[in-house]
Amino acid sequence: MRSLRKRVGYFLVFVVVFVAVMAVIYDAGMRTFEPGPYPPPGTEISLFHSGQVVVETITATGYGSDAPWKSPEMNALVVLLDLTGVGLFFLALPAILLPWFREQFSVSVPTTVDDEHSDHVVICTYTDRARELIAELDSKDVAYVLVEPDHERAADLYAEDYTVIHADPQSAADLRDANLGSARALVADVSDRVDASIVLAAREVTEDVTVVSVVEDPSLAAYHDLAGADHVVTPRQLLGEGLARKVTTAIETDLGDSIQLGEDFEIAEVSVRADSELAGQTLADSNIRDRYNVNVVGAWHKGDFETPPPLDTTLERGMTLLVTGDGAALDRLRTATGSRIRQFGRGRVVVVGYGQVGQTVSELLSAASITHTVVDIESKDGVDVVGDATVTETLTAADVGTAESVVLAIPDETATEFATLIVRELDPETELIARAETRAAVPKTYRAGADYVLSLATVSGRSIASLVIDDEEILGIETNVEIMKTTAPGLAGETLEGAHIRARTGCTVVAVERDGRTLTELEATFQLARRDRLVVAGSDADVNTFLEQFG
């Protein structure tokens, strides 16, 4: 709207100046080239009359008493005025008139937020990462406002019930309209250069708000720090680290990817393989808790996560169980589910794709002394096999059939899906870990045969959420479940059995920290104290329900 006002202003100034100049030229031309007296009899000021004739001519409303003109010079001038008038109309039509009509009949998008809007997160602008972040914020009941410079996009978001304002995130004045001074954080996620500009604008408004900047090129992170960003997030590096952790989990015997809360307590993800003794059984029939002394707090299969999983859930190949227990118990469960327990440093990995994500995976595997083969379509340092990952011969040359794990770090989602099919044809049993750019691609990649899929948007969104939500500790951002330490004064004096926590909230209490000790063997009669720190696991919505009821 502001841009339209500027265009209207410039256009009107041009028209006024043009009419004034042409009136002077017309007046001089009539006196010089036309026979007879000028101005016409009864006209006091000839320049005003000339201005009237110029306006009549360019607007095609008539010519008054001056027509017809006798001299060729004046006829040529009038033709020029006619053509200029038509040109001005067709210039104004797309630049001013049509946008103005669209503004009048389109959705009216706010340009400011209420003064009462505070402790919110200002998000610049809407992306796949922003969508994941908003889902996180909604589940924590944290307010947000999107700052979107494109009016049509802002209108679409507003129609979808997003909290959005139509404003320029690079403008300090517009960020003030987003009430940045009262916000808890700002997230800049447009492009590397624009994000730096947004950070500078934010620092012009306030020095107190937490500023998170998203950077695609890690080499530019230092400039965002200089601009004033508190945190610089590099999504592809985060994704590479997440994929690498899943690979090292499949290789190490010390459960390197599990979250160690205490000496005898771990939380880990265990994949169910085709040759597992549990495959095909329901969760109830498997009797996992009694047989292996572990607690199943969630199940992730083909992109969908359930917590807690229903007892009639069938354990299928590709399903990932989120479990808690000590190291020995997890070892027994991994053996039962068919997950391979491999000695540290043994088991070759094939990394397909050597961009930023693939390089991060390769570096972390090298740091862990894990043998790996790198495949990329381009010949460069660090690449062992050059070729297209969607061609069987390329993956055969990388000896995928004998690899313990394959990591698909390809940015193209269609290529990832096709490469997944090829890998599954070459070796149905290899651990296949894949990258996805968007969350929407995750289910298809699972259907193609991947064991574990991590999306760029999910990793980034959850990572940013962990930076801007300061009232809780998110322990594992790579999972679709949150494992959080929190106090629950509302449960003080109650027993675990009597509180019915899982039935009321969907969360599972997996441990209690009391007096510096982590307690994992929790009987049904275990009584909670006000100062206890509970370790709970569940989905975003379930954890939010837990906090609302007991926090």
Protein backbone atom coordinates (compact mmCIF):
# COMPACT_ATOMS: atom_id res chain seq x y z
CA MET A 1 0.00 0.00 0.00
CA ARG A 2 2.84 2.39 0.81
CA SER A 3 4.49 1.59 -2.50
CA LEU A 4 1.22 2.37 -4.31
CA ARG A 5 0.95 5.72 -2.52
CA LYS A 6 4.47 6.58 -3.64
CA ARG A 7 3.65 5.71 -7.24
CA VAL A 8 0.50 7.85 -7.13
CA GLY A 9 2.48 10.75 -5.69
CA TYR A 10 5.20 10.55 -8.34
CA PHE A 11 2.61 10.22 -11.10
CA LEU A 12 0.64 13.28 -9.96
CA VAL A 13 3.80 15.38 -9.66
CA PHE A 14 4.80 14.35 -13.19
CA VAL A 15 1.36 15.20 -14.61
CA VAL A 16 1.28 18.64 -12.94
CA VAL A 17 4.78 19.51 -14.16
CA PHE A 18 4.00 18.19 -17.65
CA VAL A 19 0.77 20.23 -17.94
CA ALA A 20 2.53 23.39 -16.73
CA VAL A 21 5.40 23.00 -19.22
CA MET A 22 3.09 22.16 -22.12
CA ALA A 23 0.82 25.12 -21.24
CA VAL A 24 3.80 27.47 -21.58
CA ILE A 25 4.83 25.85 -24.90
CA TYR A 26 1.24 25.94 -26.20
CA ASP A 27 0.84 29.59 -25.23
CA ALA A 28 4.06 30.57 -27.00
CA GLY A 29 3.14 28.49 -30.06
CA MET A 30 -0.28 30.08 -30.42
CA ARG A 31 1.27 33.56 -30.27
CA THR A 32 4.01 32.64 -32.77
CA PHE A 33 2.47 30.31 -35.36
CA GLU A 34 -1.30 30.90 -35.38
CA PRO A 35 -2.87 33.87 -37.25
CA GLY A 36 -5.17 36.14 -35.34
CA PRO A 37 -5.02 37.46 -31.83
CA TYR A 38 -4.24 35.20 -28.83
CA PRO A 39 -5.68 34.74 -26.29
CA PRO A 40 -9.27 34.82 -27.51
CA PRO A 41 -11.27 37.93 -26.76
CA GLY A 42 -12.54 38.04 -23.18
CA THR A 43 -9.67 35.94 -21.78
CA GLU A 44 -7.78 37.82 -19.08
CA ILE A 45 -4.77 35.50 -18.58
CA SER A 46 -3.69 33.57 -21.67
CA LEU A 47 -1.56 31.02 -19.75
CA PHE A 48 -4.60 29.77 -17.81
CA HIS A 49 -6.48 29.33 -21.08
CA SER A 50 -3.52 27.45 -22.56
CA GLY A 51 -3.42 25.16 -19.53
CA GLN A 52 -7.13 24.43 -19.96
CA VAL A 53 -6.63 23.50 -23.62
CA VAL A 54 -3.68 21.21 -22.74
CA VAL A 55 -5.77 19.39 -20.09
CA GLU A 56 -8.71 19.06 -22.51
CA THR A 57 -6.41 17.62 -25.17
CA ILE A 58 -4.53 15.03 -23.09
CA THR A 59 -7.79 13.89 -21.45
CA ALA A 60 -9.61 13.74 -24.83
CA THR A 61 -12.52 15.79 -23.45
CA GLY A 62 -12.51 18.51 -26.17
CA TYR A 63 -10.58 21.48 -27.55
CA GLY A 64 -12.75 24.54 -26.94
CA SER A 65 -12.61 27.58 -29.14
CA ASP A 66 -9.01 27.10 -30.33
CA ALA A 67 -9.81 24.30 -32.82
CA PRO A 68 -9.08 23.96 -35.64
CA TRP A 69 -5.44 25.02 -35.78
CA LYS A 70 -4.09 26.52 -38.97
CA SER A 71 -0.32 26.11 -38.63
CA PRO A 72 1.40 22.72 -39.03
CA GLU A 73 3.48 23.43 -35.92
CA MET A 74 0.45 23.70 -33.66
CA ASN A 75 -1.23 20.68 -35.26
CA ALA A 76 1.92 18.67 -34.56
CA LEU A 77 1.93 19.89 -30.94
CA VAL A 78 -1.72 18.89 -30.49
CA VAL A 79 -1.01 15.43 -31.96
CA LEU A 80 1.85 15.07 -29.47
CA LEU A 81 -0.50 16.03 -26.64
CA ASP A 82 -3.08 13.48 -27.84
CA LEU A 83 -0.49 10.68 -27.94
CA THR A 84 0.92 11.71 -24.55
CA GLY A 85 -2.54 11.61 -23.02
CA VAL A 86 -3.11 8.07 -24.29
CA GLY A 87 0.35 7.05 -23.08
CA LEU A 88 -0.25 8.45 -19.61
CA PHE A 89 -3.50 6.51 -19.36
CA PHE A 90 -1.91 3.19 -20.30
CA LEU A 91 0.97 3.94 -17.95
CA ALA A 92 -1.39 4.66 -15.07
CA LEU A 93 -3.63 1.65 -15.76
CA PRO A 94 -1.24 -1.16 -14.69
CA ALA A 95 0.89 0.92 -12.34
CA ILE A 96 -1.85 2.72 -10.40
CA LEU A 97 -5.45 2.00 -11.35
CA LEU A 98 -5.40 -1.81 -11.36
CA PRO A 99 -3.37 -2.08 -8.12
CA TRP A 100 -5.72 0.44 -6.52
CA PHE A 101 -8.79 -1.59 -7.50
CA ARG A 102 -7.10 -4.76 -6.24
CA GLU A 103 -6.41 -3.05 -2.94
CA GLN A 104 -10.05 -2.04 -2.60
CA PHE A 105 -11.44 -5.50 -3.28
CA SER A 106 -8.71 -7.64 -1.69
CA VAL A 107 -8.40 -8.80 1.90
CA SER A 108 -7.35 -5.97 4.17
CA VAL A 109 -4.14 -7.14 5.82
CA PRO A 110 -3.08 -5.40 9.04
CA THR A 111 0.06 -3.29 8.90
CA THR A 112 0.53 -3.12 12.67
CA VAL A 113 -0.16 -5.24 15.73
CA ASP A 114 -1.96 -4.17 18.87
CA ASP A 115 0.08 -2.53 21.60
CA GLU A 116 -1.02 -5.37 23.89
CA HIS A 117 0.84 -7.85 21.67
CA SER A 118 3.94 -8.67 23.75
CA ASP A 119 6.34 -11.48 24.60
CA HIS A 120 5.86 -12.72 21.04
CA VAL A 121 8.22 -13.90 18.32
CA VAL A 122 8.57 -11.71 15.22
CA ILE A 123 9.14 -13.97 12.19
CA CYS A 124 10.53 -12.51 8.94
CA THR A 125 9.11 -14.01 6.73
CA TYR A 126 6.98 -17.10 5.94
CA THR A 127 8.97 -20.18 4.84
CA ASP A 128 8.81 -23.95 5.38
CA ARG A 129 11.04 -23.40 8.40
CA ALA A 130 8.69 -20.71 9.67
CA ARG A 131 5.76 -23.12 9.37
CA GLU A 132 7.55 -25.65 11.57
CA LEU A 133 8.54 -22.90 14.01
CA ILE A 134 4.95 -21.65 14.21
CA ALA A 135 3.75 -25.18 14.96
CA GLU A 136 6.27 -25.33 17.81
CA LEU A 137 5.22 -21.92 19.13
CA ASP A 138 1.52 -22.78 18.93
CA SER A 139 2.09 -25.97 20.90
CA LYS A 140 3.82 -23.89 23.61
CA ASP A 141 1.17 -21.14 23.50
CA VAL A 142 3.80 -18.58 22.48
CA ALA A 143 2.44 -15.71 20.38
CA TYR A 144 4.04 -14.73 17.07
CA VAL A 145 3.63 -12.28 14.22
CA LEU A 146 4.74 -12.79 10.63
CA VAL A 147 6.20 -9.77 8.84
CA GLU A 148 5.49 -10.28 5.13
CA PRO A 149 6.46 -7.65 2.50
CA ASP A 150 4.46 -9.21 -0.34
CA HIS A 151 0.83 -8.09 -0.13
CA GLU A 152 -0.70 -11.05 -1.95
CA ARG A 153 1.22 -13.54 0.15
CA ALA A 154 0.34 -11.64 3.31
CA ALA A 155 -3.33 -11.68 2.28
CA ASP A 156 -3.21 -15.44 1.72
CA LEU A 157 -1.60 -16.00 5.12
CA TYR A 158 -4.12 -13.69 6.78
CA ALA A 159 -6.96 -15.63 5.13
CA GLU A 160 -5.45 -18.84 6.59
CA ASP A 161 -5.66 -17.32 10.10
CA TYR A 162 -1.96 -16.66 10.54
CA THR A 163 -1.01 -13.65 12.64
CA VAL A 164 0.60 -11.52 9.94
CA ILE A 165 1.22 -7.90 9.04
CA HIS A 166 2.03 -6.49 5.62
CA ALA A 167 5.32 -4.71 6.25
CA ASP A 168 8.95 -4.51 5.19
CA PRO A 169 11.14 -6.48 7.63
CA GLN A 170 14.18 -4.42 6.62
CA SER A 171 12.51 -1.25 7.87
CA ALA A 172 13.02 -0.27 11.50
CA ALA A 173 9.72 1.62 11.40
CA ASP A 174 7.88 -1.47 10.19
CA LEU A 175 9.50 -3.62 12.87
CA ARG A 176 8.23 -1.12 15.41
CA ASP A 177 4.78 -1.69 13.91
CA ALA A 178 5.32 -5.38 14.77
CA ASN A 179 5.87 -4.24 18.36
CA LEU A 180 9.42 -5.58 18.32
CA GLY A 181 10.31 -3.63 21.43
CA SER A 182 7.96 -5.84 23.47
CA ALA A 183 8.83 -9.12 21.70
CA ARG A 184 10.84 -11.98 23.14
CA ALA A 185 12.67 -12.72 19.88
CA LEU A 186 13.02 -11.99 16.18
CA VAL A 187 13.76 -14.62 13.53
CA ALA A 188 15.21 -13.47 10.19
CA ASP A 189 14.80 -16.04 7.41
CA VAL A 190 14.68 -14.49 3.93
CA SER A 191 18.15 -14.67 2.38
CA ASP A 192 21.67 -14.28 3.71
CA ARG A 193 22.00 -10.62 2.72
CA VAL A 194 18.46 -9.60 3.56
CA ASP A 195 18.69 -11.35 6.93
CA ALA A 196 21.72 -9.23 7.83
CA SER A 197 19.75 -6.11 6.92
CA ILE A 198 16.85 -7.28 9.09
CA VAL A 199 19.20 -7.85 12.02
CA LEU A 200 20.57 -4.31 11.66
CA ALA A 201 17.04 -2.89 11.55
CA ALA A 202 16.07 -4.91 14.62
CA ARG A 203 19.08 -3.61 16.55
CA GLU A 204 18.08 -0.07 15.59
CA VAL A 205 14.75 -0.68 17.31
CA THR A 206 15.98 -2.47 20.43
CA GLU A 207 19.07 -4.10 21.89
CA ASP A 208 17.10 -6.25 24.32
CA VAL A 209 15.31 -8.71 22.04
CA THR A 210 16.87 -12.06 21.10
CA VAL A 211 17.70 -12.09 17.38
CA VAL A 212 18.05 -15.36 15.46
CA SER A 213 19.35 -15.22 11.89
CA VAL A 214 19.16 -18.12 9.42
CA VAL A 215 22.19 -18.40 7.12
CA GLU A 216 22.43 -20.73 4.14
CA ASP A 217 26.16 -20.07 3.55
CA PRO A 218 28.13 -20.81 6.75
CA SER A 219 30.99 -18.57 5.58
CA LEU A 220 28.68 -15.56 6.03
CA ALA A 221 27.74 -16.36 9.62
CA ALA A 222 30.40 -14.01 11.02
CA TYR A 223 28.80 -11.02 9.29
CA HIS A 224 25.47 -11.78 10.90
CA ASP A 225 27.23 -11.89 14.26
CA LEU A 226 28.71 -8.47 13.52
CA ALA A 227 25.28 -7.17 12.54
CA GLY A 228 24.03 -8.06 16.00
CA ALA A 229 22.50 -11.53 15.79
CA ASP A 230 22.48 -13.46 19.07
CA HIS A 231 22.22 -16.83 17.33
CA VAL A 232 23.10 -17.79 13.75
CA VAL A 233 21.42 -20.97 12.51
CA THR A 234 22.86 -22.88 9.54
CA PRO A 235 20.08 -25.32 8.55
CA ARG A 236 22.05 -27.63 6.29
CA GLN A 237 24.80 -28.04 8.83
CA LEU A 238 22.19 -28.93 11.45
CA LEU A 239 20.64 -31.43 9.05
CA GLY A 240 24.03 -32.99 8.33
CA GLU A 241 24.74 -33.32 12.04
CA GLY A 242 21.34 -34.94 12.61
CA LEU A 243 21.86 -37.45 9.80
CA ALA A 244 25.38 -38.22 11.02
CA ARG A 245 24.14 -38.89 14.54
CA LYS A 246 21.72 -41.47 13.19
CA VAL A 247 24.58 -43.17 11.35
CA THR A 248 26.84 -43.28 14.40
CA THR A 249 23.92 -44.60 16.41
CA ALA A 250 23.67 -47.56 14.08
CA ILE A 251 27.38 -48.23 14.43
CA GLU A 252 28.39 -47.54 18.01
CA THR A 253 27.80 -49.97 20.87
CA ASP A 254 27.69 -47.17 23.43
CA LEU A 255 24.45 -45.76 21.98
CA GLY A 256 26.06 -42.53 20.95
CA ASP A 257 22.80 -40.87 19.83
CA SER A 258 20.89 -41.48 23.04
CA ILE A 259 20.35 -38.60 25.44
CA GLN A 260 22.23 -39.35 28.65
CA LEU A 261 20.37 -37.93 31.61
CA GLY A 262 22.18 -39.92 34.24
CA GLU A 263 24.69 -42.69 34.63
CA ASP A 264 22.08 -45.44 34.33
CA PHE A 265 19.43 -43.76 32.23
CA GLU A 266 19.26 -43.30 28.47
CA ILE A 267 16.71 -42.38 25.85
CA ALA A 268 17.19 -43.75 22.35
CA GLU A 269 15.50 -44.52 19.06
CA VAL A 270 15.40 -48.16 17.97
CA SER A 271 14.35 -49.15 14.46
CA VAL A 272 12.39 -52.34 13.84
CA ARG A 273 13.96 -54.39 11.04
CA ALA A 274 12.42 -57.08 8.87
CA ASP A 275 14.24 -59.93 10.64
CA SER A 276 13.25 -58.70 14.10
CA GLU A 277 11.60 -61.18 16.46
CA LEU A 278 9.15 -58.39 17.28
CA ALA A 279 8.18 -57.62 13.68
CA GLY A 280 4.52 -58.38 13.05
CA GLN A 281 3.51 -58.36 16.71
CA THR A 282 1.36 -55.74 18.36
CA LEU A 283 2.87 -53.59 21.06
CA ALA A 284 0.70 -55.34 23.64
CA ASP A 285 1.70 -58.84 22.49
CA SER A 286 5.39 -57.94 22.43
CA ASN A 287 5.32 -57.22 26.19
CA ILE A 288 8.39 -55.04 25.71
CA ARG A 289 8.28 -53.39 29.13
CA ASP A 290 8.34 -56.62 31.12
CA ARG A 291 10.68 -58.56 28.81
CA TYR A 292 13.35 -55.90 28.29
CA ASN A 293 12.77 -53.47 31.17
CA VAL A 294 12.34 -50.50 28.81
CA ASN A 295 9.50 -48.06 28.44
CA VAL A 296 8.12 -47.29 24.96
CA VAL A 297 7.16 -43.62 24.94
CA GLY A 298 6.55 -43.19 21.22
CA ALA A 299 6.50 -44.83 17.80
CA TRP A 300 7.42 -43.17 14.50
CA HIS A 301 6.49 -44.87 11.25
CA LYS A 302 6.39 -43.50 7.69
CA GLY A 303 6.40 -39.90 8.80
CA ASP A 304 3.71 -40.20 11.47
CA PHE A 305 4.49 -40.10 15.16
CA GLU A 306 2.25 -41.32 17.97
CA THR A 307 2.89 -40.75 21.62
CA PRO A 308 1.97 -42.76 23.49
CA PRO A 309 1.50 -45.48 20.85
CA PRO A 310 -1.73 -47.51 21.14
CA LEU A 311 -1.29 -51.02 22.50
CA ASP A 312 -2.73 -52.48 19.28
CA THR A 313 0.00 -50.85 17.18
CA THR A 314 1.66 -53.43 14.93
CA LEU A 315 5.46 -53.31 15.00
CA GLU A 316 6.52 -53.13 11.36
CA ARG A 317 9.76 -52.73 9.47
CA GLY A 318 10.77 -49.10 9.33
CA MET A 319 9.03 -48.21 12.57
CA THR A 320 11.16 -46.30 15.06
CA LEU A 321 10.51 -46.81 18.75
CA LEU A 322 11.45 -44.15 21.26
CA VAL A 323 12.37 -45.99 24.44
CA THR A 324 13.91 -45.35 27.83
CA GLY A 325 16.03 -47.66 29.97
CA ASP A 326 19.60 -48.44 30.93
CA GLY A 327 22.27 -49.37 28.40
CA ALA A 328 21.98 -53.14 28.91
CA ALA A 329 18.21 -53.06 28.45
CA LEU A 330 18.53 -51.03 25.26
CA ASP A 331 21.09 -53.50 23.92
CA ARG A 332 18.66 -56.36 24.47
CA LEU A 333 15.84 -54.48 22.77
CA ARG A 334 17.99 -53.51 19.80
CA THR A 335 18.92 -57.17 19.33
CA ALA A 336 15.29 -58.21 19.52
CA THR A 337 14.19 -55.59 17.01
CA GLY A 338 16.91 -56.58 14.55
CA SER A 339 18.91 -53.37 14.83
CA ARG A 340 22.55 -54.25 14.30
CA ILE A 341 24.93 -53.66 17.20
CA ARG A 342 28.27 -52.92 15.57
CA GLN A 343 31.66 -52.34 17.09
CA PHE A 344 32.95 -48.79 17.07
CA GLY A 345 34.83 -48.00 13.87
CA ARG A 346 33.46 -50.99 11.96
CA GLY A 347 30.79 -50.99 9.26
CA ARG A 348 31.19 -49.00 6.07
CA VAL A 349 28.82 -46.12 5.27
CA VAL A 350 27.99 -44.75 1.82
CA VAL A 351 27.27 -41.01 1.76
CA VAL A 352 25.42 -40.00 -1.41
CA GLY A 353 25.67 -36.28 -2.12
CA TYR A 354 28.60 -34.07 -1.18
CA GLY A 355 27.08 -30.65 -0.80
CA GLN A 356 26.99 -28.84 2.52
CA VAL A 357 24.90 -31.57 4.18
CA GLY A 358 26.97 -34.43 2.77
CA GLN A 359 30.23 -32.76 3.72
CA THR A 360 29.01 -32.29 7.29
CA VAL A 361 28.05 -35.98 7.48
CA SER A 362 31.42 -37.02 6.04
CA GLU A 363 33.38 -34.82 8.46
CA LEU A 364 31.55 -36.23 11.48
CA LEU A 365 32.03 -39.80 10.27
CA SER A 366 35.74 -39.13 9.81
CA ALA A 367 35.92 -37.66 13.30
CA ALA A 368 34.35 -40.87 14.60
CA SER A 369 36.85 -42.99 12.60
CA ILE A 370 34.04 -44.55 10.58
CA THR A 371 34.95 -45.83 7.12
CA HIS A 372 32.76 -44.29 4.44
CA THR A 373 32.49 -43.87 0.69
CA VAL A 374 31.33 -40.56 -0.80
CA VAL A 375 29.29 -40.39 -4.02
CA ASP A 376 28.59 -37.16 -5.90
CA ILE A 377 27.62 -36.13 -9.40
CA GLU A 378 30.64 -33.80 -9.59
CA SER A 379 34.31 -34.65 -9.27
CA LYS A 380 35.81 -32.81 -6.30
CA ASP A 381 38.11 -33.38 -3.37
CA GLY A 382 36.63 -35.91 -0.96
CA VAL A 383 34.47 -37.68 -3.57
CA ASP A 384 35.26 -41.35 -4.13
CA VAL A 385 32.69 -42.25 -6.80
CA VAL A 386 31.53 -39.74 -9.42
CA GLY A 387 28.12 -40.32 -10.97
CA ASP A 388 24.37 -39.77 -10.86
CA ALA A 389 22.77 -41.30 -7.76
CA THR A 390 19.64 -42.13 -9.74
CA VAL A 391 21.64 -44.49 -11.97
CA THR A 392 22.07 -48.04 -10.67
CA GLU A 393 25.63 -48.34 -11.97
CA THR A 394 26.75 -45.39 -9.82
CA LEU A 395 25.49 -46.92 -6.58
CA THR A 396 26.81 -50.32 -7.61
CA ALA A 397 30.25 -48.77 -8.11
CA ALA A 398 30.00 -47.43 -4.54
CA ASP A 399 29.35 -51.01 -3.41
CA VAL A 400 26.09 -50.08 -1.71
CA GLY A 401 25.14 -53.75 -1.45
CA THR A 402 27.83 -54.40 1.17
CA ALA A 403 27.43 -51.17 3.13
CA GLU A 404 26.07 -51.20 6.66
CA SER A 405 24.38 -47.81 6.19
CA VAL A 406 23.56 -45.46 3.33
CA VAL A 407 22.99 -41.74 3.85
CA LEU A 408 21.17 -39.94 1.04
CA ALA A 409 22.18 -36.28 1.38
CA ILE A 410 20.78 -35.18 -1.99
CA PRO A 411 18.97 -31.81 -2.11
CA ASP A 412 16.58 -32.91 -4.86
CA GLU A 413 13.64 -34.73 -3.26
CA THR A 414 12.65 -36.59 -6.43
CA ALA A 415 16.22 -37.83 -6.87
CA THR A 416 16.28 -38.90 -3.21
CA GLU A 417 13.11 -40.94 -3.64
CA PHE A 418 14.42 -42.64 -6.78
CA ALA A 419 17.82 -43.33 -5.22
CA THR A 420 16.02 -44.85 -2.23
CA LEU A 421 14.26 -47.29 -4.55
CA ILE A 422 17.57 -48.25 -6.16
CA VAL A 423 19.29 -48.81 -2.80
CA ARG A 424 16.40 -50.97 -1.63
CA GLU A 425 16.68 -53.04 -4.80
CA LEU A 426 20.43 -53.50 -4.31
CA ASP A 427 20.17 -54.31 -0.60
CA PRO A 428 16.78 -54.57 1.15
CA GLU A 429 18.41 -54.81 4.58
CA THR A 430 20.89 -51.93 4.68
CA GLU A 431 20.17 -49.06 7.07
CA LEU A 432 18.93 -46.26 4.81
CA ILE A 433 18.90 -42.72 6.17
CA ALA A 434 17.58 -39.96 3.92
CA ARG A 435 17.38 -36.20 3.77
CA ALA A 436 14.22 -34.30 2.81
CA GLU A 437 13.94 -30.61 2.03
CA THR A 438 10.32 -30.32 3.16
CA ARG A 439 8.18 -32.19 5.65
CA ALA A 440 5.73 -33.08 2.87
CA ALA A 441 8.39 -35.26 1.21
CA VAL A 442 9.00 -37.36 4.32
CA PRO A 443 6.09 -39.85 3.92
CA LYS A 444 6.96 -40.54 0.26
CA THR A 445 10.60 -41.19 1.12
CA TYR A 446 9.52 -43.64 3.81
CA ARG A 447 7.24 -45.37 1.32
CA ALA A 448 10.19 -45.65 -1.06
CA GLY A 449 12.00 -47.67 1.60
CA ALA A 450 13.96 -45.32 3.85
CA ASP A 451 14.45 -46.33 7.49
CA TYR A 452 14.85 -42.81 8.79
CA VAL A 453 14.06 -39.48 7.13
CA LEU A 454 14.97 -36.08 8.52
CA SER A 455 13.58 -32.94 6.90
CA LEU A 456 15.47 -29.67 6.64
CA ALA A 457 12.42 -27.66 7.67
CA THR A 458 11.76 -29.76 10.77
CA VAL A 459 15.35 -29.64 12.02
CA SER A 460 15.60 -25.88 11.46
CA GLY A 461 12.20 -25.05 12.91
CA ARG A 462 12.75 -27.06 16.06
CA SER A 463 16.27 -25.71 16.48
CA ILE A 464 15.05 -22.12 16.25
CA ALA A 465 12.21 -22.93 18.64
CA SER A 466 14.72 -24.20 21.21
CA LEU A 467 16.51 -20.84 20.99
CA VAL A 468 13.47 -18.58 21.39
CA ILE A 469 11.56 -20.61 24.00
CA ASP A 470 13.49 -20.00 27.19
CA ASP A 471 11.25 -21.60 29.78
CA GLU A 472 12.06 -25.22 29.05
CA GLU A 473 14.87 -27.49 27.96
CA ILE A 474 14.37 -29.28 24.65
CA LEU A 475 16.75 -32.22 24.71
CA GLY A 476 16.37 -33.80 21.30
CA ILE A 477 15.52 -31.57 18.35
CA GLU A 478 15.98 -34.32 15.76
CA THR A 479 12.98 -36.32 16.94
CA ASN A 480 9.28 -35.74 16.49
CA VAL A 481 8.80 -35.89 20.21
CA GLU A 482 9.99 -33.64 22.97
CA ILE A 483 11.81 -34.92 26.02
CA MET A 484 11.75 -32.17 28.57
CA LYS A 485 12.80 -31.54 32.13
CA THR A 486 10.31 -29.46 34.06
CA THR A 487 8.91 -28.97 37.52
CA ALA A 488 5.27 -29.93 38.11
CA PRO A 489 4.06 -28.37 41.36
CA GLY A 490 0.52 -29.38 40.46
CA LEU A 491 1.48 -33.02 41.02
CA ALA A 492 3.09 -32.54 44.44
CA GLY A 493 1.91 -35.20 46.86
CA GLU A 494 0.34 -37.40 44.16
CA THR A 495 1.48 -40.85 43.08
CA LEU A 496 2.19 -41.73 39.48
CA GLU A 497 -0.69 -44.17 39.47
CA GLY A 498 -3.14 -41.77 41.07
CA ALA A 499 -2.21 -38.82 38.86
CA HIS A 500 -3.16 -40.66 35.61
CA ILE A 501 -0.62 -38.51 33.76
CA ARG A 502 -0.52 -40.54 30.56
CA ALA A 503 -4.30 -40.78 30.29
CA ARG A 504 -4.82 -37.07 31.02
CA THR A 505 -2.03 -35.59 28.91
CA GLY A 506 -0.60 -38.27 26.61
CA CYS A 507 2.83 -37.72 28.19
CA THR A 508 5.00 -40.34 29.80
CA VAL A 509 7.07 -39.66 32.91
CA VAL A 510 10.31 -41.50 32.16
CA ALA A 511 12.44 -40.30 35.07
CA VAL A 512 12.49 -38.04 38.10
CA GLU A 513 15.45 -35.96 39.24
CA ARG A 514 15.47 -35.55 43.03
CA ASP A 515 18.28 -34.26 45.22
CA GLY A 516 20.80 -34.53 42.37
CA ARG A 517 19.93 -38.15 41.56
CA THR A 518 18.13 -39.50 38.51
CA LEU A 519 15.46 -42.02 39.47
CA THR A 520 14.36 -44.36 36.69
CA GLU A 521 12.83 -47.28 38.55
CA LEU A 522 9.51 -45.64 39.27
CA GLU A 523 6.85 -47.75 40.91
CA ALA A 524 3.17 -46.95 40.49
CA THR A 525 3.10 -45.80 44.13
CA PHE A 526 6.01 -43.38 43.65
CA GLN A 527 5.01 -40.08 45.26
CA LEU A 528 6.04 -36.83 43.63
CA ALA A 529 7.47 -33.88 45.56
CA ARG A 530 7.19 -30.18 44.75
CA ARG A 531 10.90 -29.78 44.02
CA ASP A 532 11.15 -32.84 41.79
CA ARG A 533 12.19 -32.29 38.17
CA LEU A 534 10.19 -34.63 35.98
CA VAL A 535 11.52 -35.89 32.68
CA VAL A 536 8.48 -36.21 30.44
CA ALA A 537 8.17 -37.35 26.85
CA GLY A 538 5.38 -36.64 24.39
CA SER A 539 4.31 -34.68 21.35
CA ASP A 540 4.36 -30.89 21.31
CA ALA A 541 0.65 -30.71 22.04
CA ASP A 542 0.85 -33.34 24.79
CA VAL A 543 3.75 -31.62 26.55
CA ASN A 544 1.84 -28.35 26.30
CA THR A 545 -1.17 -30.03 27.93
CA PHE A 546 1.09 -31.37 30.68
CA LEU A 547 2.46 -27.89 31.39
CA GLU A 548 -1.01 -26.38 31.42
CA GLN A 549 -2.35 -28.92 33.89
CA PHE A 550 0.60 -29.45 36.20
CA GLY A 551 3.19 -26.73 35.53
